[in-house]
Amino acid sequence: MEDGDGACNHSVDFGQSVGCPNEMQENAATILCIDDDSDTLALRRHFLQSCGYSVLTAASGTDGLRALSDGAAVDLVLLDYMMPAMNGEEVAAKLKEQNPAIPVVVMSAVAQLPQGFLTTVDGCVQKGQDPDVLLTTVSKVLRSHGKEVSTMQSPNLGQKTILCAEDDEDQLMSRRLVF
C-alpha cells in the first residue's frame, strides 16, 4: 500500500464534467469522491476531471454507499477519513464488504491513521501534499486493479506556486487542507 509520503449537504452528484479543460476520454476511469466538505469535493472534482477522469461525488459516507448500491459504475473511491456520522474507516469497511473489488484511496489530514484501517484501503494520501502525489497514487492503484489509465497529467505539472488570498482564517485553513 502506498502511503503518499505521509503518515452538510447529503446529496449524491451523478453529473459529468462541466467545462472540463481536457476532453473526457471515452473509457475514462470513474472516481467516486466522498467528503463532507462541499468546497473540497468541488475542487477535487475539477482537478480530477481536468486530468481526464470521470468524477462522481457524495457528501457523506452514507450517500457514497447508497450510490454504489444503486449501481453507480465506479473504478475507484477517493475517501475522506474525518467525516461526521460515519468516518472513513467505517465507510471503507462497509464498502469493502459490499464491493470488495473496488479500490479505495483515503485522503486525510490525520498524521497517523489506525494500522487496521490502512490494511483495508489500497492507498493513502496525506492532505497538504502536492496534487501530483494524489494523481500518482490514483494511477498506481487503478493500474494494480487492471484498469487502463489515461496518461494525462496535471495541467499545471511543474508549477508549484499557490496563492490563497483570504481574509477569513477558517476558510484559509480549509483551503490549505484540500490536497
Foldseek 3Di string as FASTA:
>chain_A
DAALPFQDDFAKAPDWDDPQPDDADPQAAEEEEEALDPVLVVVVCNQVVNQRHTYIYGNHLVNVVVCVVVPDDHQEYEYEADDPPAGPLRSLVVCCVVPVLHAYEYEYCDRHDDPVSVVSHDYYHYFQDDVQSVVVSVCVSSVVSPHDHDPGGGPCPPDDDDDDDDPDPVVVVVVSRSD
